Amino acid sequence: MIDAPSDRGRAHVRPRSRLFLTAERLVYNPINYRLVLVVDAVGASLFLLIGVWAPGSSIARSLEAAVGFIAWGLLEYAIHRWIGHGPRSIARRGHAYHHSDDTALVAAPVFVVLIGAFGVWAVLSLAIPIGVASLFVFGLYLGYNHYALVHHVLHHHETFAGHIGLHRLDRIHRVHHAQPTVNFGVTSTLWDRVFGTYQTPSNSPPRHSAPRPKRLRYRFRSTFSRTTRSYLTSSSHNPSATSCE
């Protein structure tokens, strides 16, 4: 997926500042992984409160939130395909590590999604009422939290996933881990079907996951570096499919 900053690969990934380096370290920190689940749930609640305080009918509020929730599906696909599998970046390196060990606790640095949500809200508020913008972003954020929980269950509680009706999504996502150029949607197959990247899970191979690594101590292992370099080399021949998760 992306070159990791090993001793031989630092030329490919040269942090521009201490903030940049700290953010990249957080991506692989288990505490960060657990903390973002809480922060993003609270963040979504904040937008819901703002939207509820604004004047409007219950039906209108529900529709505004529903539109945001539905819009998340396209954003989920786009981020996964054109960022997670896109140009070299912190996001792609983190996603590469996720593909090399799908049980690793990898997540965006805490507050990044919340800051992004406030950015979308600020821009929308310039064109539409604040209450409408708040409920739309709440729906969008709710969709993201739904994605994060489903993705976590698929990788860390596969038996439970089957019990709650996620067996088919698990098989579809398993195909993506075996063939990273297809099935970018995690919570839905709609946009994969629209963009022609859907592949049926029939006869899909079992997910192969590397053993859970010991604490990284903010370093990448040489095996990860080789894996990601291999992925980047192979994916560069098909940019349309690996342009971003």
Protein backbone atom coordinates (compact mmCIF):
# COMPACT_ATOMS: atom_id res chain seq x y z
CA MET A 1 0.00 0.00 0.00
CA ILE A 2 2.54 2.58 1.07
CA ASP A 3 6.16 2.67 2.01
CA ALA A 4 6.74 2.61 5.74
CA PRO A 5 9.37 4.79 7.38
CA SER A 6 12.01 2.13 7.96
CA ASP A 7 15.76 2.75 7.98
CA ARG A 8 15.92 2.24 4.23
CA GLY A 9 12.63 3.91 3.42
CA ARG A 10 12.78 7.21 5.28
CA ALA A 11 13.48 9.06 2.06
CA HIS A 12 9.98 8.15 0.94
CA VAL A 13 8.34 9.38 4.15
CA ARG A 14 10.09 12.45 5.54
CA PRO A 15 8.13 14.13 8.35
CA ARG A 16 7.95 17.88 7.82
CA SER A 17 7.38 18.78 11.46
CA ARG A 18 7.10 17.40 14.96
CA LEU A 19 3.31 17.70 14.70
CA PHE A 20 3.35 15.59 11.54
CA LEU A 21 5.45 12.90 13.24
CA THR A 22 3.24 12.88 16.34
CA ALA A 23 0.12 12.50 14.23
CA GLU A 24 1.62 9.53 12.41
CA ARG A 25 2.58 7.88 15.68
CA LEU A 26 -0.96 8.26 16.97
CA VAL A 27 -2.32 6.29 14.02
CA TYR A 28 -0.75 3.09 15.41
CA ASN A 29 -1.40 3.78 19.10
CA PRO A 30 -4.00 1.43 20.69
CA ILE A 31 -5.03 4.16 23.14
CA ASN A 32 -5.75 6.49 20.24
CA TYR A 33 -7.84 3.76 18.58
CA ARG A 34 -10.08 3.41 21.64
CA LEU A 35 -10.21 7.12 22.38
CA VAL A 36 -11.44 8.12 18.92
CA LEU A 37 -14.48 5.87 19.34
CA VAL A 38 -15.51 7.98 22.33
CA VAL A 39 -14.53 11.36 20.88
CA ASP A 40 -16.40 10.75 17.63
CA ALA A 41 -19.54 9.58 19.45
CA VAL A 42 -19.47 12.76 21.55
CA GLY A 43 -18.76 14.86 18.46
CA ALA A 44 -21.82 13.50 16.65
CA SER A 45 -23.93 14.23 19.74
CA LEU A 46 -22.80 17.86 19.73
CA PHE A 47 -24.11 18.39 16.20
CA LEU A 48 -27.37 16.69 17.15
CA LEU A 49 -27.83 19.06 20.09
CA ILE A 50 -27.16 22.12 17.93
CA GLY A 51 -29.64 20.90 15.34
CA VAL A 52 -32.35 20.13 17.88
CA TRP A 53 -32.04 23.56 19.48
CA ALA A 54 -32.60 25.25 16.14
CA PRO A 55 -36.22 25.83 15.08
CA GLY A 56 -37.82 23.23 12.83
CA SER A 57 -40.28 20.36 12.70
CA SER A 58 -39.45 16.83 13.79
CA ILE A 59 -40.05 15.53 10.27
CA ALA A 60 -37.70 18.09 8.73
CA ARG A 61 -35.02 17.37 11.31
CA SER A 62 -35.28 13.63 10.67
CA LEU A 63 -35.00 14.13 6.91
CA GLU A 64 -31.96 16.38 7.27
CA ALA A 65 -30.17 13.82 9.44
CA ALA A 66 -31.21 10.97 7.11
CA VAL A 67 -29.75 12.78 4.08
CA GLY A 68 -26.45 13.16 5.93
CA PHE A 69 -26.44 9.49 6.94
CA ILE A 70 -27.07 8.38 3.36
CA ALA A 71 -24.41 10.77 2.03
CA TRP A 72 -21.85 9.07 4.27
CA GLY A 73 -22.00 5.96 2.08
CA LEU A 74 -20.46 7.80 -0.86
CA LEU A 75 -17.91 9.53 1.37
CA GLU A 76 -16.95 6.17 2.92
CA TYR A 77 -16.32 4.73 -0.54
CA ALA A 78 -14.38 7.78 -1.72
CA ILE A 79 -12.13 7.99 1.36
CA HIS A 80 -11.38 4.27 1.24
CA ARG A 81 -10.66 4.13 -2.46
CA TRP A 82 -9.00 7.47 -3.22
CA ILE A 83 -7.27 8.17 0.10
CA GLY A 84 -6.77 4.83 1.85
CA HIS A 85 -5.56 3.35 -1.44
CA GLY A 86 -4.45 6.64 -2.94
CA PRO A 87 -1.26 8.71 -3.08
CA ARG A 88 1.40 8.32 -0.41
CA SER A 89 0.22 9.83 2.86
CA ILE A 90 -0.26 9.09 6.55
CA ALA A 91 -3.67 7.67 5.68
CA ARG A 92 -2.33 5.29 3.07
CA ARG A 93 0.52 4.08 5.26
CA GLY A 94 -1.92 3.44 8.09
CA HIS A 95 -4.24 1.59 5.77
CA ALA A 96 -1.33 -0.43 4.42
CA TYR A 97 -0.57 -1.55 7.95
CA HIS A 98 -4.21 -2.50 8.43
CA HIS A 99 -3.99 -4.72 5.34
CA SER A 100 -0.76 -6.32 6.57
CA ASP A 101 -2.35 -7.08 9.95
CA ASP A 102 -6.12 -6.66 10.00
CA THR A 103 -6.29 -7.09 13.78
CA ALA A 104 -4.00 -4.12 14.46
CA LEU A 105 -5.63 -1.18 16.24
CA VAL A 106 -5.11 1.51 13.59
CA ALA A 107 -7.17 4.70 13.46
CA ALA A 108 -7.01 8.34 12.41
CA PRO A 109 -5.43 10.59 15.06
CA VAL A 110 -7.89 11.64 17.73
CA PHE A 111 -9.88 14.81 16.91
CA VAL A 112 -9.05 14.63 13.17
CA VAL A 113 -12.53 13.46 12.19
CA LEU A 114 -14.14 15.90 14.62
CA ILE A 115 -12.15 18.80 13.18
CA GLY A 116 -13.11 17.70 9.68
CA ALA A 117 -16.77 17.56 10.69
CA PHE A 118 -16.62 21.10 12.07
CA GLY A 119 -14.97 22.21 8.84
CA VAL A 120 -17.84 20.78 6.78
CA TRP A 121 -20.36 22.32 9.18
CA ALA A 122 -18.72 25.76 8.96
CA VAL A 123 -18.78 25.74 5.16
CA LEU A 124 -22.39 24.52 4.98
CA SER A 125 -23.48 27.13 7.53
CA LEU A 126 -22.47 29.85 5.07
CA ALA A 127 -25.09 28.66 2.60
CA ILE A 128 -27.86 27.02 4.66
CA PRO A 129 -29.35 27.55 8.15
CA ILE A 130 -27.13 26.43 11.01
CA GLY A 131 -29.74 23.98 12.26
CA VAL A 132 -30.00 22.26 8.88
CA ALA A 133 -26.21 22.14 8.53
CA SER A 134 -25.90 20.71 12.05
CA LEU A 135 -28.36 17.89 11.46
CA PHE A 136 -26.85 17.05 8.09
CA VAL A 137 -23.37 16.81 9.66
CA PHE A 138 -24.86 14.81 12.54
CA GLY A 139 -26.20 12.30 10.00
CA LEU A 140 -22.85 12.24 8.23
CA TYR A 141 -21.02 11.75 11.55
CA LEU A 142 -23.51 9.08 12.62
CA GLY A 143 -22.76 7.25 9.38
CA TYR A 144 -19.05 7.44 10.14
CA ASN A 145 -19.56 6.06 13.65
CA HIS A 146 -21.69 3.27 12.19
CA TYR A 147 -18.86 2.48 9.76
CA ALA A 148 -16.24 2.50 12.54
CA LEU A 149 -18.25 0.10 14.72
CA VAL A 150 -19.09 -2.26 11.84
CA HIS A 151 -15.46 -2.32 10.70
CA HIS A 152 -14.30 -3.02 14.23
CA VAL A 153 -16.75 -5.89 14.65
CA LEU A 154 -15.81 -7.42 11.28
CA HIS A 155 -12.15 -7.58 12.24
CA HIS A 156 -12.24 -8.23 15.98
CA HIS A 157 -15.52 -10.06 16.64
CA GLU A 158 -16.23 -12.15 13.55
CA THR A 159 -18.40 -14.66 15.40
CA PHE A 160 -20.49 -11.87 16.89
CA ALA A 161 -20.75 -10.29 13.43
CA GLY A 162 -22.50 -13.42 12.21
CA HIS A 163 -24.92 -13.34 15.13
CA ILE A 164 -26.03 -9.77 14.38
CA GLY A 165 -26.48 -10.23 10.64
CA LEU A 166 -23.13 -8.97 9.38
CA HIS A 167 -21.98 -12.28 7.93
CA ARG A 168 -22.43 -11.19 4.31
CA LEU A 169 -20.68 -7.86 4.85
CA ASP A 170 -17.84 -9.77 6.49
CA ARG A 171 -17.45 -12.00 3.44
CA ILE A 172 -17.60 -9.01 1.09
CA HIS A 173 -14.96 -7.13 3.10
CA ARG A 174 -12.83 -10.27 3.22
CA VAL A 175 -12.69 -10.16 -0.58
CA HIS A 176 -11.31 -6.60 -0.38
CA HIS A 177 -8.49 -7.73 1.91
CA ALA A 178 -7.61 -10.48 -0.54
CA GLN A 179 -8.03 -8.23 -3.60
CA PRO A 180 -7.57 -4.55 -2.63
CA THR A 181 -8.88 -3.28 -5.99
CA VAL A 182 -12.51 -4.24 -5.27
CA ASN A 183 -15.22 -3.89 -2.58
CA PHE A 184 -14.26 -0.55 -1.08
CA GLY A 185 -17.60 -0.12 0.67
CA VAL A 186 -17.66 -1.51 4.21
CA THR A 187 -21.23 -0.81 5.35
CA SER A 188 -22.82 -0.97 1.89
CA THR A 189 -22.14 -2.32 -1.60
CA LEU A 190 -24.13 0.42 -3.36
CA TRP A 191 -21.23 2.58 -4.53
CA ASP A 192 -19.09 -0.40 -5.49
CA ARG A 193 -21.92 -1.41 -7.81
CA VAL A 194 -22.24 2.14 -9.15
CA PHE A 195 -18.50 2.47 -9.87
CA GLY A 196 -18.04 -1.12 -11.05
CA THR A 197 -15.74 -2.29 -8.24
CA TYR A 198 -18.11 -4.77 -6.63
CA GLN A 199 -17.08 -8.42 -6.55
CA THR A 200 -19.29 -11.17 -5.24
CA PRO A 201 -18.01 -12.94 -2.12
CA SER A 202 -18.84 -16.35 -3.59
CA ASN A 203 -15.95 -18.72 -3.02
CA SER A 204 -13.94 -15.91 -1.48
CA PRO A 205 -10.72 -17.03 0.19
CA PRO A 206 -10.48 -16.88 4.00
CA ARG A 207 -8.94 -13.81 5.51
CA HIS A 208 -5.29 -14.29 6.31
CA SER A 209 -4.10 -12.09 9.11
CA ALA A 210 -0.60 -11.80 10.42
CA PRO A 211 -0.12 -12.49 14.13
CA ARG A 212 -0.92 -9.51 16.31
CA PRO A 213 2.33 -7.55 16.63
CA LYS A 214 3.87 -6.59 19.92
CA ARG A 215 3.82 -2.95 20.90
CA LEU A 216 5.30 -0.91 18.07
CA ARG A 217 7.03 1.69 20.21
CA TYR A 218 6.52 4.08 17.31
CA ARG A 219 8.60 2.01 14.87
CA PHE A 220 7.62 -0.01 11.87
CA ARG A 221 8.91 -3.54 11.57
CA SER A 222 11.00 -4.46 8.55
CA THR A 223 8.42 -7.07 7.55
CA PHE A 224 5.75 -4.38 7.35
CA SER A 225 8.05 -2.24 5.26
CA ARG A 226 8.60 -5.07 2.79
CA THR A 227 4.88 -5.84 2.67
CA THR A 228 3.84 -2.27 1.97
CA ARG A 229 6.58 -1.74 -0.62
CA SER A 230 5.40 -4.86 -2.39
CA TYR A 231 1.80 -3.63 -2.27
CA LEU A 232 2.73 -0.20 -3.60
CA THR A 233 4.71 -1.70 -6.47
CA SER A 234 1.90 -4.03 -7.48
CA SER A 235 -0.88 -1.45 -7.07
CA SER A 236 0.88 1.22 -9.08
CA HIS A 237 -0.03 -0.69 -12.22
CA ASN A 238 -3.75 -0.18 -11.57
CA PRO A 239 -4.16 3.36 -10.25
CA SER A 240 -7.90 3.59 -10.87
CA ALA A 241 -8.67 0.79 -8.48
CA THR A 242 -6.15 1.60 -5.81
CA SER A 243 -6.48 5.33 -5.83
CA CYS A 244 -8.05 5.22 -2.24
CA GLU A 245 -10.60 2.78 1.58
